[in-house]
Amino acid sequence: MLVVVNQPHINNFKIEGTLSSSFLDSLKKEFGDSMKIIQKDEDEEWIDVCDLDWYKEMKAEETPGKNLKFYRKLVGMTQKELAEKLGMNKQHISDMERDRRSISKKTAKELAGIFKVSPVRFI
């Protein structure tokens, strides 16, 4: 069982494991509709997505350039806008996105700051 609570005055928190009904009742009383209970059936098996074949295939196709393009589009930024933020020209961004030009560690750190992800995504 997983209990997730999301209230403005309380940081999100999760409780996992077997919980007594009295403890659940206390949580329901305190947090009401902002609490979500996720129960796992006893016969249900949970699998790590990283172990699935389709995930491994998708991960193998992932490149720093594809990641750059994904994150840039995710935030609605044009190549020109990103180039201006990084102090480079639009063609440089285009070449990185098409994996024609590698992404330096320095640029990866700058991209990580812009998109709020790990620099590893771009190396």
C-alpha atoms as a PDB file:
ATOM      1  CA  MET A   1       0.000   0.000   0.000  1.00  0.00           C
ATOM      2  CA  LEU A   2       1.174   3.497  -0.792  1.00  0.00           C
ATOM      3  CA  VAL A   3      -0.332   6.614   0.810  1.00  0.00           C
ATOM      4  CA  VAL A   4       0.451   9.979  -0.773  1.00  0.00           C
ATOM      5  CA  VAL A   5      -0.506  13.282   0.888  1.00  0.00           C
ATOM      6  CA  ASN A   6      -0.422  16.584  -0.982  1.00  0.00           C
ATOM      7  CA  GLN A   7      -1.437  19.700   0.935  1.00  0.00           C
ATOM      8  CA  PRO A   8      -0.094  23.237   0.534  1.00  0.00           C
ATOM      9  CA  HIS A   9       1.030  23.641   4.146  1.00  0.00           C
ATOM     10  CA  ILE A  10       2.635  20.189   4.262  1.00  0.00           C
ATOM     11  CA  ASN A  11       5.430  18.905   2.067  1.00  0.00           C
ATOM     12  CA  ASN A  12       4.375  15.946  -0.026  1.00  0.00           C
ATOM     13  CA  PHE A  13       5.098  12.689   1.735  1.00  0.00           C
ATOM     14  CA  LYS A  14       4.567   9.008   1.105  1.00  0.00           C
ATOM     15  CA  ILE A  15       4.097   6.079   3.437  1.00  0.00           C
ATOM     16  CA  GLU A  16       4.664   2.619   2.028  1.00  0.00           C
ATOM     17  CA  GLY A  17       3.994  -0.742   3.607  1.00  0.00           C
ATOM     18  CA  THR A  18       1.273  -2.477   5.557  1.00  0.00           C
ATOM     19  CA  LEU A  19      -0.725   0.074   7.531  1.00  0.00           C
ATOM     20  CA  SER A  20      -3.219  -0.582  10.305  1.00  0.00           C
ATOM     21  CA  SER A  21      -6.801   0.489   9.739  1.00  0.00           C
ATOM     22  CA  SER A  22      -6.669   2.801  12.774  1.00  0.00           C
ATOM     23  CA  PHE A  23      -3.598   4.559  11.333  1.00  0.00           C
ATOM     24  CA  LEU A  24      -5.337   4.914   7.945  1.00  0.00           C
ATOM     25  CA  ASP A  25      -8.431   6.309   9.677  1.00  0.00           C
ATOM     26  CA  SER A  26      -6.265   8.905  11.437  1.00  0.00           C
ATOM     27  CA  LEU A  27      -4.683   9.927   8.142  1.00  0.00           C
ATOM     28  CA  LYS A  28      -8.099  10.164   6.444  1.00  0.00           C
ATOM     29  CA  LYS A  29      -9.406  12.295   9.304  1.00  0.00           C
ATOM     30  CA  GLU A  30      -6.400  14.628   9.155  1.00  0.00           C
ATOM     31  CA  PHE A  31      -5.913  14.936   5.385  1.00  0.00           C
ATOM     32  CA  GLY A  32      -9.295  14.084   3.829  1.00  0.00           C
ATOM     33  CA  ASP A  33      -9.465  14.345   0.048  1.00  0.00           C
ATOM     34  CA  SER A  34      -5.840  15.423  -0.331  1.00  0.00           C
ATOM     35  CA  MET A  35      -4.760  11.876   0.555  1.00  0.00           C
ATOM     36  CA  LYS A  36      -4.507   9.208  -2.109  1.00  0.00           C
ATOM     37  CA  ILE A  37      -4.352   5.515  -1.230  1.00  0.00           C
ATOM     38  CA  ILE A  38      -2.885   3.104  -3.732  1.00  0.00           C
ATOM     39  CA  GLN A  39      -3.339  -0.555  -2.879  1.00  0.00           C
ATOM     40  CA  LYS A  40      -1.429  -3.362  -4.504  1.00  0.00           C
ATOM     41  CA  ASP A  41      -3.290  -6.621  -4.944  1.00  0.00           C
ATOM     42  CA  GLU A  42      -1.589  -9.570  -3.303  1.00  0.00           C
ATOM     43  CA  ASP A  43      -1.339 -11.459  -6.608  1.00  0.00           C
ATOM     44  CA  GLU A  44      -0.087  -8.393  -8.471  1.00  0.00           C
ATOM     45  CA  GLU A  45       3.609  -8.323  -9.348  1.00  0.00           C
ATOM     46  CA  TRP A  46       5.349  -4.959  -9.699  1.00  0.00           C
ATOM     47  CA  ILE A  47       8.068  -4.772 -12.327  1.00  0.00           C
ATOM     48  CA  ASP A  48      10.778  -2.154 -12.669  1.00  0.00           C
ATOM     49  CA  VAL A  49      10.267  -0.404 -16.010  1.00  0.00           C
ATOM     50  CA  CYS A  50      14.045  -0.497 -16.573  1.00  0.00           C
ATOM     51  CA  ASP A  51      13.830  -4.294 -16.851  1.00  0.00           C
ATOM     52  CA  LEU A  52      11.326  -4.240 -19.724  1.00  0.00           C
ATOM     53  CA  ASP A  53      12.543  -4.919 -23.272  1.00  0.00           C
ATOM     54  CA  TRP A  54      10.739  -1.927 -24.824  1.00  0.00           C
ATOM     55  CA  TYR A  55      12.374   0.397 -22.300  1.00  0.00           C
ATOM     56  CA  LYS A  56      15.818  -1.036 -23.036  1.00  0.00           C
ATOM     57  CA  GLU A  57      15.221  -0.554 -26.769  1.00  0.00           C
ATOM     58  CA  MET A  58      14.051   3.046 -26.278  1.00  0.00           C
ATOM     59  CA  LYS A  59      17.014   3.775 -23.994  1.00  0.00           C
ATOM     60  CA  ALA A  60      19.444   2.383 -26.586  1.00  0.00           C
ATOM     61  CA  GLU A  61      18.061   4.831 -29.182  1.00  0.00           C
ATOM     62  CA  GLU A  62      18.402   7.803 -26.835  1.00  0.00           C
ATOM     63  CA  THR A  63      21.125  10.301 -27.755  1.00  0.00           C
ATOM     64  CA  PRO A  64      22.239  13.596 -26.190  1.00  0.00           C
ATOM     65  CA  GLY A  65      20.915  15.446 -29.251  1.00  0.00           C
ATOM     66  CA  LYS A  66      17.484  13.791 -29.063  1.00  0.00           C
ATOM     67  CA  ASN A  67      17.331  14.653 -25.368  1.00  0.00           C
ATOM     68  CA  LEU A  68      18.233  18.266 -26.106  1.00  0.00           C
ATOM     69  CA  LYS A  69      15.493  18.549 -28.706  1.00  0.00           C
ATOM     70  CA  PHE A  70      12.985  16.870 -26.369  1.00  0.00           C
ATOM     71  CA  TYR A  71      13.650  19.235 -23.460  1.00  0.00           C
ATOM     72  CA  ARG A  72      13.778  22.311 -25.691  1.00  0.00           C
ATOM     73  CA  LYS A  73      10.377  21.480 -27.190  1.00  0.00           C
ATOM     74  CA  LEU A  74       8.999  20.491 -23.784  1.00  0.00           C
ATOM     75  CA  VAL A  75       9.474  24.057 -22.531  1.00  0.00           C
ATOM     76  CA  GLY A  76       8.317  25.589 -25.832  1.00  0.00           C
ATOM     77  CA  MET A  77      11.658  27.136 -26.731  1.00  0.00           C
ATOM     78  CA  THR A  78      12.914  27.667 -30.271  1.00  0.00           C
ATOM     79  CA  GLN A  79      16.433  26.818 -31.377  1.00  0.00           C
ATOM     80  CA  LYS A  80      17.076  30.533 -31.779  1.00  0.00           C
ATOM     81  CA  GLU A  81      15.925  31.304 -28.213  1.00  0.00           C
ATOM     82  CA  LEU A  82      18.091  28.524 -26.797  1.00  0.00           C
ATOM     83  CA  ALA A  83      21.065  29.673 -28.866  1.00  0.00           C
ATOM     84  CA  GLU A  84      20.699  33.199 -27.481  1.00  0.00           C
ATOM     85  CA  LYS A  85      20.604  31.878 -23.893  1.00  0.00           C
ATOM     86  CA  LEU A  86      23.769  29.894 -24.521  1.00  0.00           C
ATOM     87  CA  GLY A  87      25.547  32.584 -26.501  1.00  0.00           C
ATOM     88  CA  MET A  88      25.851  30.546 -29.677  1.00  0.00           C
ATOM     89  CA  ASN A  89      24.194  30.524 -33.082  1.00  0.00           C
ATOM     90  CA  LYS A  90      21.068  28.603 -34.091  1.00  0.00           C
ATOM     91  CA  GLN A  91      23.028  26.303 -36.407  1.00  0.00           C
ATOM     92  CA  HIS A  92      25.129  25.111 -33.461  1.00  0.00           C
ATOM     93  CA  ILE A  93      21.925  24.068 -31.630  1.00  0.00           C
ATOM     94  CA  SER A  94      20.618  22.375 -34.760  1.00  0.00           C
ATOM     95  CA  ASP A  95      23.856  20.420 -35.174  1.00  0.00           C
ATOM     96  CA  MET A  96      23.793  19.300 -31.531  1.00  0.00           C
ATOM     97  CA  GLU A  97      20.162  18.175 -31.807  1.00  0.00           C
ATOM     98  CA  ARG A  98      20.973  16.115 -34.901  1.00  0.00           C
ATOM     99  CA  ASP A  99      24.055  14.638 -33.182  1.00  0.00           C
ATOM    100  CA  ARG A 100      26.325  16.210 -35.790  1.00  0.00           C
ATOM    101  CA  ARG A 101      28.117  18.144 -33.050  1.00  0.00           C
ATOM    102  CA  SER A 102      28.834  16.822 -29.583  1.00  0.00           C
ATOM    103  CA  ILE A 103      27.702  18.662 -26.479  1.00  0.00           C
ATOM    104  CA  SER A 104      30.576  19.800 -24.266  1.00  0.00           C
ATOM    105  CA  LYS A 105      30.496  19.285 -20.510  1.00  0.00           C
ATOM    106  CA  LYS A 106      30.262  23.056 -20.034  1.00  0.00           C
ATOM    107  CA  THR A 107      27.265  23.296 -22.389  1.00  0.00           C
ATOM    108  CA  ALA A 108      25.664  20.233 -20.782  1.00  0.00           C
ATOM    109  CA  LYS A 109      25.852  21.979 -17.392  1.00  0.00           C
ATOM    110  CA  GLU A 110      24.307  25.128 -18.854  1.00  0.00           C
ATOM    111  CA  LEU A 111      21.521  23.078 -20.492  1.00  0.00           C
ATOM    112  CA  ALA A 112      20.911  21.253 -17.201  1.00  0.00           C
ATOM    113  CA  GLY A 113      20.424  24.602 -15.502  1.00  0.00           C
ATOM    114  CA  ILE A 114      18.024  25.819 -18.181  1.00  0.00           C
ATOM    115  CA  PHE A 115      15.923  22.643 -18.248  1.00  0.00           C
ATOM    116  CA  LYS A 116      16.392  21.719 -14.556  1.00  0.00           C
ATOM    117  CA  VAL A 117      17.626  18.186 -15.258  1.00  0.00           C
ATOM    118  CA  SER A 118      20.915  16.360 -14.768  1.00  0.00           C
ATOM    119  CA  PRO A 119      23.766  17.304 -17.137  1.00  0.00           C
ATOM    120  CA  VAL A 120      24.152  13.572 -17.828  1.00  0.00           C
ATOM    121  CA  ARG A 121      21.074  13.822 -20.080  1.00  0.00           C
ATOM    122  CA  PHE A 122      23.181  15.771 -22.601  1.00  0.00           C
ATOM    123  CA  ILE A 123      26.487  13.871 -22.477  1.00  0.00           C
END
